[in-house]
Amino acid sequence: MKLQDVIELQPPKLTPAENMFLPAVLAGLGTTILHLFKSVGGKVRTLQYPEERRENLPVLQGGMDVLRYRGVHRLNKDEQGRVKCVACYMCATACPAHCIHIVGDAAPPAWSDREKYPIKFDIDELRCIYCGMCEEACPVDAIELTQEYDLVGLTREEMVFDKEKLLKMFDQTVQRRPL
């Protein structure tokens, strides 16, 4: 290693106000005051759930859709009523929370349009961060996030949605508009 390859860095000189973090504190306080004025001015709205529900709200000014949020997952069905999933594991691979577990098997001979299908498909809704990466990764649009957010379970096991529960969610939400 040559002496000319070594770069000596000097820490920047800070003013006394910067040493006491005064600019950073004032910037944070400014952000807080900005949010306060937006809230008081009516631009940000807090719902009094469960009395107020998202579905009953009017569309906000500027055309911003109130219903832009992600809810419970569903497994879509194809035209023949079969699960659309081809067990490619792309959703499980893309999931940053590692909450999707799939066990694939060879498709029955009558299903000539695919090689595999899931015999087991589980999503741990308590572990999920509802980022939508699974939906984006799916090449056949088999998994979708619905707008259902009333998710209640008394045990952890109730919050693990298996294939039957996910297909049941499809039957319940198939008539509603997609995200």
Protein backbone atom coordinates (compact mmCIF):
# COMPACT_ATOMS: atom_id res chain seq x y z
CA MET A 1 0.00 0.00 0.00
CA LYS A 2 1.39 3.34 -1.05
CA LEU A 3 1.36 6.40 1.13
CA GLN A 4 -0.54 8.35 -1.53
CA ASP A 5 -3.45 5.86 -1.37
CA VAL A 6 -4.21 6.79 2.23
CA ILE A 7 -6.71 9.59 2.66
CA GLU A 8 -6.87 11.30 6.00
CA LEU A 9 -10.31 12.62 6.86
CA GLN A 10 -10.89 15.49 9.21
CA PRO A 11 -14.17 15.79 11.12
CA PRO A 12 -16.14 18.91 10.16
CA LYS A 13 -15.97 21.87 12.49
CA LEU A 14 -19.29 22.32 14.27
CA THR A 15 -20.68 25.52 15.63
CA PRO A 16 -21.74 25.66 19.28
CA ALA A 17 -25.42 25.45 18.20
CA GLU A 18 -24.69 22.34 16.14
CA ASN A 19 -22.85 20.78 19.08
CA MET A 20 -26.06 21.11 21.13
CA PHE A 21 -28.15 19.66 18.22
CA LEU A 22 -30.17 22.88 18.09
CA PRO A 23 -30.78 22.88 14.29
CA ALA A 24 -31.91 19.24 14.37
CA VAL A 25 -34.27 19.86 17.29
CA LEU A 26 -35.77 22.90 15.57
CA ALA A 27 -36.25 20.95 12.32
CA GLY A 28 -38.08 18.19 14.21
CA LEU A 29 -40.23 20.74 16.02
CA GLY A 30 -41.07 22.35 12.67
CA THR A 31 -42.25 18.99 11.31
CA THR A 32 -44.43 18.47 14.37
CA ILE A 33 -46.00 21.93 14.05
CA LEU A 34 -46.62 21.32 10.32
CA HIS A 35 -48.51 18.10 11.10
CA LEU A 36 -50.47 19.90 13.81
CA PHE A 37 -51.66 22.59 11.40
CA LYS A 38 -52.61 19.97 8.80
CA SER A 39 -54.63 18.09 11.40
CA VAL A 40 -56.38 21.20 12.73
CA GLY A 41 -57.02 22.43 9.17
CA GLY A 42 -58.90 19.24 8.30
CA LYS A 43 -56.44 17.88 5.74
CA VAL A 44 -55.65 14.86 7.91
CA ARG A 45 -58.54 12.97 9.36
CA THR A 46 -58.55 10.55 12.24
CA LEU A 47 -61.33 7.98 12.18
CA GLN A 48 -63.24 7.19 15.34
CA TYR A 49 -63.24 3.45 14.70
CA PRO A 50 -65.56 1.46 14.97
CA GLU A 51 -68.23 4.20 14.84
CA GLU A 52 -66.68 5.64 11.66
CA ARG A 53 -65.63 3.23 8.96
CA ARG A 54 -63.48 3.76 5.89
CA GLU A 55 -66.15 2.52 3.51
CA ASN A 56 -68.63 5.20 4.62
CA LEU A 57 -66.32 8.17 4.11
CA PRO A 58 -66.70 10.48 1.11
CA VAL A 59 -63.84 10.88 -1.35
CA LEU A 60 -61.48 13.57 -0.10
CA GLN A 61 -60.77 16.83 -1.92
CA GLY A 62 -58.48 16.50 -4.89
CA GLY A 63 -59.91 13.11 -5.83
CA MET A 64 -57.68 11.16 -3.46
CA ASP A 65 -59.27 7.79 -2.89
CA VAL A 66 -59.91 7.05 0.79
CA LEU A 67 -59.86 3.29 0.22
CA ARG A 68 -56.19 3.01 -0.64
CA TYR A 69 -55.04 0.49 1.92
CA ARG A 70 -54.18 -3.16 2.09
CA GLY A 71 -56.18 -5.68 4.02
CA VAL A 72 -56.47 -9.43 4.37
CA HIS A 73 -55.09 -11.67 1.61
CA ARG A 74 -57.12 -13.86 -0.70
CA LEU A 75 -56.26 -16.64 -3.12
CA ASN A 76 -57.93 -16.10 -6.47
CA LYS A 77 -59.69 -18.80 -8.44
CA ASP A 78 -59.61 -19.30 -12.19
CA GLU A 79 -62.64 -19.65 -14.49
CA GLN A 80 -62.99 -23.35 -13.63
CA GLY A 81 -63.08 -22.70 -9.88
CA ARG A 82 -59.56 -24.00 -9.23
CA VAL A 83 -56.95 -22.11 -7.24
CA LYS A 84 -54.95 -19.89 -9.61
CA CYS A 85 -51.67 -20.50 -7.79
CA VAL A 86 -49.07 -22.54 -9.67
CA ALA A 87 -46.82 -23.08 -6.61
CA CYS A 88 -43.89 -21.14 -8.04
CA TYR A 89 -42.91 -19.87 -4.54
CA MET A 90 -42.24 -16.36 -5.84
CA CYS A 91 -44.57 -14.76 -3.29
CA ALA A 92 -42.88 -16.61 -0.43
CA THR A 93 -39.47 -15.60 -1.76
CA ALA A 94 -40.46 -11.93 -2.13
CA CYS A 95 -42.06 -11.70 1.32
CA PRO A 96 -39.81 -9.68 3.65
CA ALA A 97 -41.67 -10.94 6.74
CA HIS A 98 -41.40 -14.63 5.73
CA CYS A 99 -45.04 -15.23 6.57
CA ILE A 100 -46.01 -17.28 3.49
CA HIS A 101 -45.52 -21.04 3.51
CA ILE A 102 -46.31 -23.15 0.45
CA VAL A 103 -46.12 -26.88 -0.20
CA GLY A 104 -46.48 -27.72 -3.87
CA ASP A 105 -47.35 -30.94 -5.63
CA ALA A 106 -47.71 -32.11 -9.20
CA ALA A 107 -50.96 -31.00 -10.77
CA PRO A 108 -53.52 -33.66 -11.67
CA PRO A 109 -53.31 -34.87 -15.29
CA ALA A 110 -56.62 -33.16 -16.08
CA TRP A 111 -54.98 -29.77 -15.38
CA SER A 112 -53.03 -29.43 -18.60
CA ASP A 113 -52.38 -25.70 -18.14
CA ARG A 114 -49.98 -26.07 -15.18
CA GLU A 115 -47.35 -28.35 -13.75
CA LYS A 116 -47.87 -27.74 -10.04
CA TYR A 117 -50.44 -26.49 -7.58
CA PRO A 118 -50.31 -25.82 -3.84
CA ILE A 119 -51.52 -28.58 -1.56
CA LYS A 120 -50.74 -26.29 1.38
CA PHE A 121 -50.73 -22.48 1.32
CA ASP A 122 -50.51 -20.62 4.65
CA ILE A 123 -50.16 -16.93 5.46
CA ASP A 124 -49.48 -15.82 9.02
CA GLU A 125 -51.53 -12.61 9.14
CA LEU A 126 -49.98 -11.60 12.47
CA ARG A 127 -46.51 -11.69 11.00
CA CYS A 128 -47.46 -10.02 7.71
CA ILE A 129 -46.56 -6.35 7.25
CA TYR A 130 -49.07 -5.90 4.37
CA CYS A 131 -46.45 -4.51 2.01
CA GLY A 132 -47.95 -6.05 -1.14
CA MET A 133 -44.70 -7.65 -2.33
CA CYS A 134 -46.40 -11.05 -2.64
CA GLU A 135 -49.06 -9.56 -4.88
CA GLU A 136 -46.44 -7.87 -7.07
CA ALA A 137 -44.30 -11.01 -7.34
CA CYS A 138 -47.08 -13.39 -8.37
CA PRO A 139 -46.85 -14.09 -12.13
CA VAL A 140 -50.44 -15.38 -12.39
CA ASP A 141 -52.21 -12.90 -10.05
CA ALA A 142 -53.15 -15.70 -7.69
CA ILE A 143 -52.66 -13.75 -4.45
CA GLU A 144 -54.29 -10.40 -3.77
CA LEU A 145 -54.73 -8.05 -0.87
CA THR A 146 -58.35 -7.17 -0.24
CA GLN A 147 -59.83 -4.16 1.50
CA GLU A 148 -61.06 -6.24 4.43
CA TYR A 149 -59.42 -4.96 7.59
CA ASP A 150 -61.75 -6.34 10.28
CA LEU A 151 -59.45 -9.15 11.26
CA VAL A 152 -60.17 -10.77 14.60
CA GLY A 153 -58.78 -13.92 16.14
CA LEU A 154 -58.72 -15.21 19.68
CA THR A 155 -55.63 -17.37 19.19
CA ARG A 156 -52.52 -17.23 17.02
CA GLU A 157 -53.69 -20.32 15.15
CA GLU A 158 -56.86 -18.50 14.04
CA MET A 159 -54.69 -15.81 12.44
CA VAL A 160 -52.84 -18.26 10.22
CA PHE A 161 -54.90 -18.31 7.03
CA ASP A 162 -54.70 -21.64 5.24
CA LYS A 163 -55.68 -22.34 1.64
CA GLU A 164 -59.35 -22.95 2.46
CA LYS A 165 -59.64 -19.74 4.46
CA LEU A 166 -57.93 -17.74 1.70
CA LEU A 167 -60.24 -19.20 -0.95
CA LYS A 168 -63.23 -18.43 1.29
CA MET A 169 -62.00 -14.81 1.44
CA PHE A 170 -62.06 -14.81 -2.39
CA ASP A 171 -65.69 -15.96 -2.37
CA GLN A 172 -66.59 -13.16 0.07
CA THR A 173 -64.78 -10.39 -1.80
CA VAL A 174 -65.06 -11.40 -5.46
CA GLN A 175 -67.85 -8.89 -6.18
CA ARG A 176 -66.01 -5.89 -4.71
CA ARG A 177 -63.77 -3.73 -6.82
CA PRO A 178 -60.10 -4.79 -6.84
CA LEU A 179 -57.29 -2.70 -5.46
